[in-house]
């Protein structure tokens, strides 16, 4: 990952993230039995729900906007989560893919 040379304001980050196209192919994640839903929000573009009422949100990295990381989406649970063993995901060629 590369770090930006100039610090972006919150508004600039939101505008940049909202301008990124959402992927439309989630087969790699759906094969595990999870459901991916686009939210339309720039910073948290996807929600993932899975077996046993587990819910996550994928958040964009501030340094690399095509890299996303999973966090819990339920009260009382905080921090970075693992979705089927993966913390990080990437948007590549119109696909949302897990990254180790």
PDB file of N, CA and C in Angstrom:
ATOM      1  N   UNK A   1       0.825  -1.175   0.000  1.00  0.00           N
ATOM      2  CA  UNK A   1       0.000   0.000   0.000  1.00  0.00           C
ATOM      3  C   UNK A   1       0.873   1.244   0.000  1.00  0.00           C
ATOM      4  N   UNK A   2       0.391   2.268  -0.639  1.00  0.00           N
ATOM      5  CA  UNK A   2       1.125   3.515  -0.669  1.00  0.00           C
ATOM      6  C   UNK A   2       0.382   4.553   0.146  1.00  0.00           C
ATOM      7  N   UNK A   3       1.132   5.350   0.880  1.00  0.00           N
ATOM      8  CA  UNK A   3       0.521   6.395   1.691  1.00  0.00           C
ATOM      9  C   UNK A   3       0.446   7.679   0.877  1.00  0.00           C
ATOM     10  N   UNK A   4      -0.642   8.443   1.034  1.00  0.00           N
ATOM     11  CA  UNK A   4      -0.749   9.694   0.288  1.00  0.00           C
ATOM     12  C   UNK A   4       0.268  10.703   0.795  1.00  0.00           C
ATOM     13  N   UNK A   5       0.703  11.578  -0.090  1.00  0.00           N
ATOM     14  CA  UNK A   5       1.696  12.570   0.293  1.00  0.00           C
ATOM     15  C   UNK A   5       1.049  13.739   1.021  1.00  0.00           C
ATOM     16  N   UNK A   6      -0.164  14.107   0.665  1.00  0.00           N
ATOM     17  CA  UNK A   6      -0.863  15.207   1.315  1.00  0.00           C
ATOM     18  C   UNK A   6      -2.052  14.650   2.092  1.00  0.00           C
ATOM     19  N   UNK A   7      -2.299  15.216   3.255  1.00  0.00           N
ATOM     20  CA  UNK A   7      -3.412  14.758   4.073  1.00  0.00           C
ATOM     21  C   UNK A   7      -4.714  15.324   3.505  1.00  0.00           C
ATOM     22  N   UNK A   8      -5.669  14.433   3.248  1.00  0.00           N
ATOM     23  CA  UNK A   8      -6.952  14.842   2.701  1.00  0.00           C
ATOM     24  C   UNK A   8      -7.912  15.184   3.827  1.00  0.00           C
ATOM     25  N   UNK A   9      -8.781  16.148   3.582  1.00  0.00           N
ATOM     26  CA  UNK A   9      -9.801  16.483   4.567  1.00  0.00           C
ATOM     27  C   UNK A   9     -10.886  15.416   4.551  1.00  0.00           C
ATOM     28  N   UNK A  10     -11.729  15.436   5.555  1.00  0.00           N
ATOM     29  CA  UNK A  10     -12.818  14.456   5.644  1.00  0.00           C
ATOM     30  C   UNK A  10     -13.739  14.557   4.435  1.00  0.00           C
ATOM     31  N   UNK A  11     -14.042  15.767   4.001  1.00  0.00           N
ATOM     32  CA  UNK A  11     -14.912  15.958   2.829  1.00  0.00           C
ATOM     33  C   UNK A  11     -14.257  15.421   1.561  1.00  0.00           C
ATOM     34  N   UNK A  12     -12.948  15.633   1.419  1.00  0.00           N
ATOM     35  CA  UNK A  12     -12.233  15.120   0.245  1.00  0.00           C
ATOM     36  C   UNK A  12     -12.196  13.597   0.240  1.00  0.00           C
ATOM     37  N   UNK A  13     -12.015  12.986   1.418  1.00  0.00           N
ATOM     38  CA  UNK A  13     -12.043  11.526   1.510  1.00  0.00           C
ATOM     39  C   UNK A  13     -13.411  10.979   1.127  1.00  0.00           C
ATOM     40  N   UNK A  14     -14.472  11.597   1.640  1.00  0.00           N
ATOM     41  CA  UNK A  14     -15.828  11.147   1.320  1.00  0.00           C
ATOM     42  C   UNK A  14     -16.102  11.263  -0.177  1.00  0.00           C
ATOM     43  N   UNK A  15     -15.703  12.379  -0.787  1.00  0.00           N
ATOM     44  CA  UNK A  15     -15.929  12.576  -2.221  1.00  0.00           C
ATOM     45  C   UNK A  15     -15.149  11.548  -3.036  1.00  0.00           C
ATOM     46  N   UNK A  16     -13.916  11.277  -2.659  1.00  0.00           N
ATOM     47  CA  UNK A  16     -13.098  10.290  -3.373  1.00  0.00           C
ATOM     48  C   UNK A  16     -13.712   8.896  -3.255  1.00  0.00           C
ATOM     49  N   UNK A  17     -14.105   8.513  -2.046  1.00  0.00           N
ATOM     50  CA  UNK A  17     -14.656   7.178  -1.826  1.00  0.00           C
ATOM     51  C   UNK A  17     -16.005   7.002  -2.501  1.00  0.00           C
ATOM     52  N   UNK A  18     -16.831   8.043  -2.514  1.00  0.00           N
ATOM     53  CA  UNK A  18     -18.146   7.954  -3.153  1.00  0.00           C
ATOM     54  C   UNK A  18     -18.014   7.855  -4.672  1.00  0.00           C
ATOM     55  N   UNK A  19     -16.928   8.360  -5.239  1.00  0.00           N
ATOM     56  CA  UNK A  19     -16.731   8.329  -6.687  1.00  0.00           C
ATOM     57  C   UNK A  19     -16.251   6.968  -7.183  1.00  0.00           C
ATOM     58  N   UNK A  20     -15.779   6.105  -6.277  1.00  0.00           N
ATOM     59  CA  UNK A  20     -15.301   4.785  -6.699  1.00  0.00           C
ATOM     60  C   UNK A  20     -16.481   3.898  -7.080  1.00  0.00           C
ATOM     61  N   UNK A  21     -16.390   3.172  -8.170  1.00  0.00           N
ATOM     62  CA  UNK A  21     -17.496   2.293  -8.570  1.00  0.00           C
ATOM     63  C   UNK A  21     -17.591   1.079  -7.653  1.00  0.00           C
ATOM     64  N   UNK A  22     -18.810   0.677  -7.337  1.00  0.00           N
ATOM     65  CA  UNK A  22     -19.023  -0.527  -6.543  1.00  0.00           C
ATOM     66  C   UNK A  22     -18.901  -1.743  -7.437  1.00  0.00           C
ATOM     67  N   UNK A  23     -18.408  -2.816  -6.886  1.00  0.00           N
ATOM     68  CA  UNK A  23     -18.283  -4.050  -7.652  1.00  0.00           C
ATOM     69  C   UNK A  23     -19.637  -4.733  -7.753  1.00  0.00           C
ATOM     70  N   UNK A  24     -19.773  -5.621  -8.680  1.00  0.00           N
ATOM     71  CA  UNK A  24     -21.046  -6.310  -8.875  1.00  0.00           C
ATOM     72  C   UNK A  24     -20.912  -7.828  -8.781  1.00  0.00           C
ATOM     73  N   UNK A  25     -19.702  -8.327  -8.580  1.00  0.00           N
ATOM     74  CA  UNK A  25     -19.479  -9.774  -8.515  1.00  0.00           C
ATOM     75  C   UNK A  25     -18.909 -10.133  -7.144  1.00  0.00           C
ATOM     76  N   UNK A  26     -19.709 -10.869  -6.352  1.00  0.00           N
ATOM     77  CA  UNK A  26     -19.311 -11.258  -5.009  1.00  0.00           C
ATOM     78  C   UNK A  26     -19.264 -12.773  -4.871  1.00  0.00           C
ATOM     79  N   UNK A  27     -19.056 -13.481  -5.954  1.00  0.00           N
ATOM     80  CA  UNK A  27     -19.121 -14.944  -5.934  1.00  0.00           C
ATOM     81  C   UNK A  27     -18.166 -15.574  -4.928  1.00  0.00           C
ATOM     82  N   UNK A  28     -16.975 -15.002  -4.762  1.00  0.00           N
ATOM     83  CA  UNK A  28     -15.996 -15.581  -3.842  1.00  0.00           C
ATOM     84  C   UNK A  28     -16.513 -15.576  -2.414  1.00  0.00           C
ATOM     85  N   UNK A  29     -17.259 -14.551  -2.036  1.00  0.00           N
ATOM     86  CA  UNK A  29     -17.784 -14.443  -0.675  1.00  0.00           C
ATOM     87  C   UNK A  29     -19.107 -15.184  -0.540  1.00  0.00           C
ATOM     88  N   UNK A  30     -19.943 -15.128  -1.561  1.00  0.00           N
ATOM     89  CA  UNK A  30     -21.228 -15.821  -1.508  1.00  0.00           C
ATOM     90  C   UNK A  30     -21.058 -17.340  -1.497  1.00  0.00           C
ATOM     91  N   UNK A  31     -19.946 -17.826  -2.019  1.00  0.00           N
ATOM     92  CA  UNK A  31     -19.694 -19.269  -2.007  1.00  0.00           C
ATOM     93  C   UNK A  31     -19.529 -19.794  -0.582  1.00  0.00           C
ATOM     94  N   UNK A  32     -19.194 -18.921   0.364  1.00  0.00           N
ATOM     95  CA  UNK A  32     -19.054 -19.319   1.758  1.00  0.00           C
ATOM     96  C   UNK A  32     -20.396 -19.322   2.489  1.00  0.00           C
ATOM     97  N   UNK A  33     -21.467 -18.894   1.831  1.00  0.00           N
ATOM     98  CA  UNK A  33     -22.774 -18.846   2.477  1.00  0.00           C
ATOM     99  C   UNK A  33     -23.130 -17.476   3.023  1.00  0.00           C
ATOM    100  N   UNK A  34     -22.373 -16.441   2.665  1.00  0.00           N
ATOM    101  CA  UNK A  34     -22.636 -15.074   3.110  1.00  0.00           C
ATOM    102  C   UNK A  34     -23.401 -14.312   2.035  1.00  0.00           C
ATOM    103  N   UNK A  35     -24.097 -13.265   2.455  1.00  0.00           N
ATOM    104  CA  UNK A  35     -24.814 -12.390   1.528  1.00  0.00           C
ATOM    105  C   UNK A  35     -24.160 -11.019   1.558  1.00  0.00           C
ATOM    106  N   UNK A  36     -23.844 -10.467   0.390  1.00  0.00           N
ATOM    107  CA  UNK A  36     -23.227  -9.150   0.279  1.00  0.00           C
ATOM    108  C   UNK A  36     -24.285  -8.171  -0.224  1.00  0.00           C
ATOM    109  N   UNK A  37     -24.394  -7.025   0.450  1.00  0.00           N
ATOM    110  CA  UNK A  37     -25.350  -5.998   0.070  1.00  0.00           C
ATOM    111  C   UNK A  37     -24.631  -4.665  -0.059  1.00  0.00           C
ATOM    112  N   UNK A  38     -24.717  -3.984  -1.210  1.00  0.00           N
ATOM    113  CA  UNK A  38     -24.115  -2.650  -1.313  1.00  0.00           C
ATOM    114  C   UNK A  38     -24.950  -1.645  -0.518  1.00  0.00           C
ATOM    115  N   UNK A  39     -24.280  -0.733   0.185  1.00  0.00           N
ATOM    116  CA  UNK A  39     -24.982   0.255   1.012  1.00  0.00           C
ATOM    117  C   UNK A  39     -25.127   1.597   0.323  1.00  0.00           C
ATOM    118  N   UNK A  40     -24.256   1.901  -0.635  1.00  0.00           N
ATOM    119  CA  UNK A  40     -24.297   3.202  -1.291  1.00  0.00           C
ATOM    120  C   UNK A  40     -23.523   4.276  -0.544  1.00  0.00           C
ATOM    121  N   UNK A  41     -22.923   3.935   0.598  1.00  0.00           N
ATOM    122  CA  UNK A  41     -22.118   4.877   1.361  1.00  0.00           C
ATOM    123  C   UNK A  41     -20.674   4.787   0.889  1.00  0.00           C
ATOM    124  N   UNK A  42     -19.991   5.917   0.813  1.00  0.00           N
ATOM    125  CA  UNK A  42     -18.627   5.931   0.302  1.00  0.00           C
ATOM    126  C   UNK A  42     -17.622   5.228   1.189  1.00  0.00           C
ATOM    127  N   UNK A  43     -17.690   5.450   2.495  1.00  0.00           N
ATOM    128  CA  UNK A  43     -16.713   4.884   3.406  1.00  0.00           C
ATOM    129  C   UNK A  43     -17.009   3.441   3.783  1.00  0.00           C
ATOM    130  N   UNK A  44     -18.279   3.059   3.823  1.00  0.00           N
ATOM    131  CA  UNK A  44     -18.683   1.690   4.170  1.00  0.00           C
ATOM    132  C   UNK A  44     -19.594   1.160   3.067  1.00  0.00           C
ATOM    133  N   UNK A  45     -19.016   0.743   1.932  1.00  0.00           N
ATOM    134  CA  UNK A  45     -19.831   0.439   0.764  1.00  0.00           C
ATOM    135  C   UNK A  45     -20.580  -0.892   0.781  1.00  0.00           C
ATOM    136  N   UNK A  46     -20.220  -1.830   1.674  1.00  0.00           N
ATOM    137  CA  UNK A  46     -20.858  -3.153   1.666  1.00  0.00           C
ATOM    138  C   UNK A  46     -21.203  -3.618   3.074  1.00  0.00           C
ATOM    139  N   UNK A  47     -22.304  -4.355   3.171  1.00  0.00           N
ATOM    140  CA  UNK A  47     -22.664  -5.088   4.376  1.00  0.00           C
ATOM    141  C   UNK A  47     -22.634  -6.568   4.025  1.00  0.00           C
ATOM    142  N   UNK A  48     -22.136  -7.362   4.948  1.00  0.00           N
ATOM    143  CA  UNK A  48     -22.090  -8.805   4.760  1.00  0.00           C
ATOM    144  C   UNK A  48     -22.850  -9.449   5.912  1.00  0.00           C
ATOM    145  N   UNK A  49     -23.785 -10.307   5.575  1.00  0.00           N
ATOM    146  CA  UNK A  49     -24.485 -11.081   6.605  1.00  0.00           C
ATOM    147  C   UNK A  49     -24.283 -12.554   6.294  1.00  0.00           C
ATOM    148  N   UNK A  50     -24.239 -13.329   7.357  1.00  0.00           N
ATOM    149  CA  UNK A  50     -23.935 -14.729   7.140  1.00  0.00           C
ATOM    150  C   UNK A  50     -24.664 -15.656   8.069  1.00  0.00           C
ATOM    151  N   UNK A  51     -24.204 -16.880   8.088  1.00  0.00           N
ATOM    152  CA  UNK A  51     -24.830 -17.880   8.934  1.00  0.00           C
ATOM    153  C   UNK A  51     -24.774 -17.469  10.415  1.00  0.00           C
ATOM    154  N   UNK A  52     -25.719 -17.952  11.159  1.00  0.00           N
ATOM    155  CA  UNK A  52     -25.791 -17.705  12.605  1.00  0.00           C
ATOM    156  C   UNK A  52     -25.930 -16.228  12.941  1.00  0.00           C
ATOM    157  N   UNK A  53     -26.627 -15.470  12.092  1.00  0.00           N
ATOM    158  CA  UNK A  53     -26.938 -14.060  12.338  1.00  0.00           C
ATOM    159  C   UNK A  53     -25.680 -13.203  12.549  1.00  0.00           C
ATOM    160  N   UNK A  54     -24.643 -13.454  11.798  1.00  0.00           N
ATOM    161  CA  UNK A  54     -23.410 -12.684  11.874  1.00  0.00           C
ATOM    162  C   UNK A  54     -23.476 -11.569  10.836  1.00  0.00           C
ATOM    163  N   UNK A  55     -23.107 -10.341  11.251  1.00  0.00           N
ATOM    164  CA  UNK A  55     -23.147  -9.193  10.334  1.00  0.00           C
ATOM    165  C   UNK A  55     -21.841  -8.411  10.420  1.00  0.00           C
ATOM    166  N   UNK A  56     -21.381  -7.978   9.244  1.00  0.00           N
ATOM    167  CA  UNK A  56     -20.160  -7.192   9.145  1.00  0.00           C
ATOM    168  C   UNK A  56     -20.392  -6.020   8.196  1.00  0.00           C
ATOM    169  N   UNK A  57     -19.532  -5.015   8.305  1.00  0.00           N
ATOM    170  CA  UNK A  57     -19.485  -3.906   7.357  1.00  0.00           C
ATOM    171  C   UNK A  57     -18.065  -3.863   6.809  1.00  0.00           C
ATOM    172  N   UNK A  58     -17.937  -3.659   5.505  1.00  0.00           N
ATOM    173  CA  UNK A  58     -16.611  -3.478   4.906  1.00  0.00           C
ATOM    174  C   UNK A  58     -16.341  -1.991   4.804  1.00  0.00           C
ATOM    175  N   UNK A  59     -15.219  -1.548   5.374  1.00  0.00           N
ATOM    176  CA  UNK A  59     -14.828  -0.134   5.383  1.00  0.00           C
ATOM    177  C   UNK A  59     -13.628   0.065   4.468  1.00  0.00           C
ATOM    178  N   UNK A  60     -13.609   1.192   3.790  1.00  0.00           N
ATOM    179  CA  UNK A  60     -12.485   1.514   2.910  1.00  0.00           C
ATOM    180  C   UNK A  60     -11.276   1.974   3.712  1.00  0.00           C
ATOM    181  N   UNK A  61     -10.109   1.585   3.254  1.00  0.00           N
ATOM    182  CA  UNK A  61      -8.862   2.058   3.836  1.00  0.00           C
ATOM    183  C   UNK A  61      -8.641   3.507   3.414  1.00  0.00           C
ATOM    184  N   UNK A  62      -8.156   4.336   4.335  1.00  0.00           N
ATOM    185  CA  UNK A  62      -7.894   5.738   4.007  1.00  0.00           C
ATOM    186  C   UNK A  62      -6.697   5.871   3.073  1.00  0.00           C
ATOM    187  N   UNK A  63      -5.753   4.923   3.160  1.00  0.00           N
ATOM    188  CA  UNK A  63      -4.545   5.013   2.347  1.00  0.00           C
ATOM    189  C   UNK A  63      -4.695   4.368   0.975  1.00  0.00           C
ATOM    190  N   UNK A  64      -5.475   3.303   0.884  1.00  0.00           N
ATOM    191  CA  UNK A  64      -5.668   2.582  -0.378  1.00  0.00           C
ATOM    192  C   UNK A  64      -7.168   2.332  -0.546  1.00  0.00           C
ATOM    193  N   UNK A  65      -7.874   3.198  -1.285  1.00  0.00           N
ATOM    194  CA  UNK A  65      -9.332   3.129  -1.329  1.00  0.00           C
ATOM    195  C   UNK A  65      -9.926   1.878  -1.963  1.00  0.00           C
ATOM    196  N   UNK A  66      -9.148   1.093  -2.684  1.00  0.00           N
ATOM    197  CA  UNK A  66      -9.704  -0.148  -3.241  1.00  0.00           C
ATOM    198  C   UNK A  66      -9.542  -1.322  -2.279  1.00  0.00           C
ATOM    199  N   UNK A  67      -8.898  -1.088  -1.140  1.00  0.00           N
ATOM    200  CA  UNK A  67      -8.755  -2.107  -0.101  1.00  0.00           C
ATOM    201  C   UNK A  67      -9.793  -1.846   0.982  1.00  0.00           C
ATOM    202  N   UNK A  68     -10.465  -2.907   1.407  1.00  0.00           N
ATOM    203  CA  UNK A  68     -11.482  -2.788   2.441  1.00  0.00           C
ATOM    204  C   UNK A  68     -11.157  -3.735   3.589  1.00  0.00           C
ATOM    205  N   UNK A  69     -11.613  -3.392   4.787  1.00  0.00           N
ATOM    206  CA  UNK A  69     -11.438  -4.276   5.934  1.00  0.00           C
ATOM    207  C   UNK A  69     -12.783  -4.461   6.625  1.00  0.00           C
ATOM    208  N   UNK A  70     -12.944  -5.593   7.273  1.00  0.00           N
ATOM    209  CA  UNK A  70     -14.221  -5.951   7.890  1.00  0.00           C
ATOM    210  C   UNK A  70     -14.253  -5.515   9.350  1.00  0.00           C
ATOM    211  N   UNK A  71     -15.407  -4.963   9.770  1.00  0.00           N
ATOM    212  CA  UNK A  71     -15.667  -4.651  11.175  1.00  0.00           C
ATOM    213  C   UNK A  71     -17.030  -5.229  11.529  1.00  0.00           C
ATOM    214  N   UNK A  72     -17.235  -5.488  12.809  1.00  0.00           N
ATOM    215  CA  UNK A  72     -18.512  -6.038  13.255  1.00  0.00           C
ATOM    216  C   UNK A  72     -19.624  -5.009  13.090  1.00  0.00           C
ATOM    217  N   UNK A  73     -20.820  -5.475  12.765  1.00  0.00           N
ATOM    218  CA  UNK A  73     -21.980  -4.608  12.593  1.00  0.00           C
ATOM    219  C   UNK A  73     -23.065  -5.015  13.596  1.00  0.00           C
ATOM    220  N   UNK A  74     -22.714  -4.959  14.854  1.00  0.00           N
ATOM    221  CA  UNK A  74     -23.711  -5.232  15.892  1.00  0.00           C
ATOM    222  C   UNK A  74     -23.280  -4.542  17.180  1.00  0.00           C
ATOM    223  N   UNK A  75     -24.241  -4.101  17.978  1.00  0.00           N
ATOM    224  CA  UNK A  75     -23.912  -3.420  19.234  1.00  0.00           C
ATOM    225  C   UNK A  75     -23.125  -4.329  20.174  1.00  0.00           C
ATOM    226  N   UNK A  76     -22.153  -3.745  20.845  1.00  0.00           N
ATOM    227  CA  UNK A  76     -21.364  -4.502  21.802  1.00  0.00           C
ATOM    228  C   UNK A  76     -20.162  -5.212  21.221  1.00  0.00           C
ATOM    229  N   UNK A  77     -20.056  -5.285  19.904  1.00  0.00           N
ATOM    230  CA  UNK A  77     -18.903  -5.910  19.250  1.00  0.00           C
ATOM    231  C   UNK A  77     -18.132  -4.805  18.532  1.00  0.00           C
ATOM    232  N   UNK A  78     -16.862  -4.660  18.844  1.00  0.00           N
ATOM    233  CA  UNK A  78     -16.050  -3.618  18.244  1.00  0.00           C
ATOM    234  C   UNK A  78     -14.777  -4.216  17.677  1.00  0.00           C
ATOM    235  N   UNK A  79     -14.201  -3.531  16.718  1.00  0.00           N
ATOM    236  CA  UNK A  79     -12.911  -3.927  16.194  1.00  0.00           C
ATOM    237  C   UNK A  79     -12.975  -4.595  14.834  1.00  0.00           C
ATOM    238  N   UNK A  80     -11.796  -4.895  14.335  1.00  0.00           N
ATOM    239  CA  UNK A  80     -11.658  -5.538  13.044  1.00  0.00           C
ATOM    240  C   UNK A  80     -12.092  -6.997  13.178  1.00  0.00           C
ATOM    241  N   UNK A  81     -12.874  -7.450  12.217  1.00  0.00           N
ATOM    242  CA  UNK A  81     -13.422  -8.805  12.247  1.00  0.00           C
ATOM    243  C   UNK A  81     -12.777  -9.667  11.175  1.00  0.00           C
ATOM    244  N   UNK A  82     -12.993 -10.943  11.287  1.00  0.00           N
ATOM    245  CA  UNK A  82     -12.570 -11.892  10.260  1.00  0.00           C
ATOM    246  C   UNK A  82     -13.822 -12.499   9.649  1.00  0.00           C
ATOM    247  N   UNK A  83     -13.939 -12.375   8.335  1.00  0.00           N
ATOM    248  CA  UNK A  83     -15.040 -12.978   7.601  1.00  0.00           C
ATOM    249  C   UNK A  83     -14.481 -14.229   6.940  1.00  0.00           C
ATOM    250  N   UNK A  84     -14.868 -15.373   7.446  1.00  0.00           N
ATOM    251  CA  UNK A  84     -14.390 -16.662   6.936  1.00  0.00           C
ATOM    252  C   UNK A  84     -12.858 -16.724   6.943  1.00  0.00           C
ATOM    253  N   UNK A  85     -12.262 -16.084   7.968  1.00  0.00           N
ATOM    254  CA  UNK A  85     -10.812 -16.094   8.117  1.00  0.00           C
ATOM    255  C   UNK A  85     -10.084 -14.941   7.455  1.00  0.00           C
ATOM    256  N   UNK A  86     -10.788 -14.070   6.762  1.00  0.00           N
ATOM    257  CA  UNK A  86     -10.159 -12.951   6.046  1.00  0.00           C
ATOM    258  C   UNK A  86     -10.496 -11.629   6.720  1.00  0.00           C
ATOM    259  N   UNK A  87      -9.483 -10.774   6.933  1.00  0.00           N
ATOM    260  CA  UNK A  87      -9.692  -9.427   7.464  1.00  0.00           C
ATOM    261  C   UNK A  87      -9.843  -8.413   6.338  1.00  0.00           C
ATOM    262  N   UNK A  88      -9.134  -8.637   5.232  1.00  0.00           N
ATOM    263  CA  UNK A  88      -9.069  -7.647   4.165  1.00  0.00           C
ATOM    264  C   UNK A  88      -9.686  -8.166   2.868  1.00  0.00           C
ATOM    265  N   UNK A  89     -10.251  -7.241   2.115  1.00  0.00           N
ATOM    266  CA  UNK A  89     -10.865  -7.526   0.828  1.00  0.00           C
ATOM    267  C   UNK A  89     -10.426  -6.445  -0.143  1.00  0.00           C
ATOM    268  N   UNK A  90     -10.510  -6.742  -1.442  1.00  0.00           N
ATOM    269  CA  UNK A  90     -10.111  -5.785  -2.463  1.00  0.00           C
ATOM    270  C   UNK A  90     -11.134  -5.777  -3.586  1.00  0.00           C
ATOM    271  N   UNK A  91     -11.298  -4.623  -4.198  1.00  0.00           N
ATOM    272  CA  UNK A  91     -12.145  -4.494  -5.380  1.00  0.00           C
ATOM    273  C   UNK A  91     -11.231  -4.529  -6.589  1.00  0.00           C
ATOM    274  N   UNK A  92     -11.299  -5.627  -7.334  1.00  0.00           N
ATOM    275  CA  UNK A  92     -10.424  -5.805  -8.500  1.00  0.00           C
ATOM    276  C   UNK A  92     -11.247  -6.264  -9.693  1.00  0.00           C
ATOM    277  N   UNK A  93     -11.135  -5.555 -10.778  1.00  0.00           N
ATOM    278  CA  UNK A  93     -11.791  -5.930 -12.034  1.00  0.00           C
ATOM    279  C   UNK A  93     -13.280  -6.207 -11.854  1.00  0.00           C
ATOM    280  N   UNK A  94     -13.947  -5.378 -11.072  1.00  0.00           N
ATOM    281  CA  UNK A  94     -15.390  -5.539 -10.861  1.00  0.00           C
ATOM    282  C   UNK A  94     -15.772  -6.645  -9.913  1.00  0.00           C
ATOM    283  N   UNK A  95     -14.794  -7.198  -9.185  1.00  0.00           N
ATOM    284  CA  UNK A  95     -15.055  -8.283  -8.229  1.00  0.00           C
ATOM    285  C   UNK A  95     -14.587  -7.872  -6.843  1.00  0.00           C
ATOM    286  N   UNK A  96     -15.319  -8.348  -5.842  1.00  0.00           N
ATOM    287  CA  UNK A  96     -14.915  -8.189  -4.459  1.00  0.00           C
ATOM    288  C   UNK A  96     -14.256  -9.500  -4.054  1.00  0.00           C
ATOM    289  N   UNK A  97     -12.951  -9.454  -3.783  1.00  0.00           N
ATOM    290  CA  UNK A  97     -12.206 -10.687  -3.516  1.00  0.00           C
ATOM    291  C   UNK A  97     -11.501 -10.600  -2.157  1.00  0.00           C
ATOM    292  N   UNK A  98     -11.377 -11.731  -1.453  1.00  0.00           N
ATOM    293  CA  UNK A  98     -10.645 -11.749  -0.189  1.00  0.00           C
ATOM    294  C   UNK A  98      -9.148 -11.651  -0.429  1.00  0.00           C
ATOM    295  N   UNK A  99      -8.450 -11.032   0.506  1.00  0.00           N
ATOM    296  CA  UNK A  99      -6.993 -10.847   0.409  1.00  0.00           C
ATOM    297  C   UNK A  99      -6.362 -11.323   1.707  1.00  0.00           C
ATOM    298  N   UNK A 100      -5.314 -12.095   1.613  1.00  0.00           N
ATOM    299  CA  UNK A 100      -4.600 -12.540   2.825  1.00  0.00           C
ATOM    300  C   UNK A 100      -3.484 -11.593   3.143  1.00  0.00           C
TER     301      UNK A 100
END
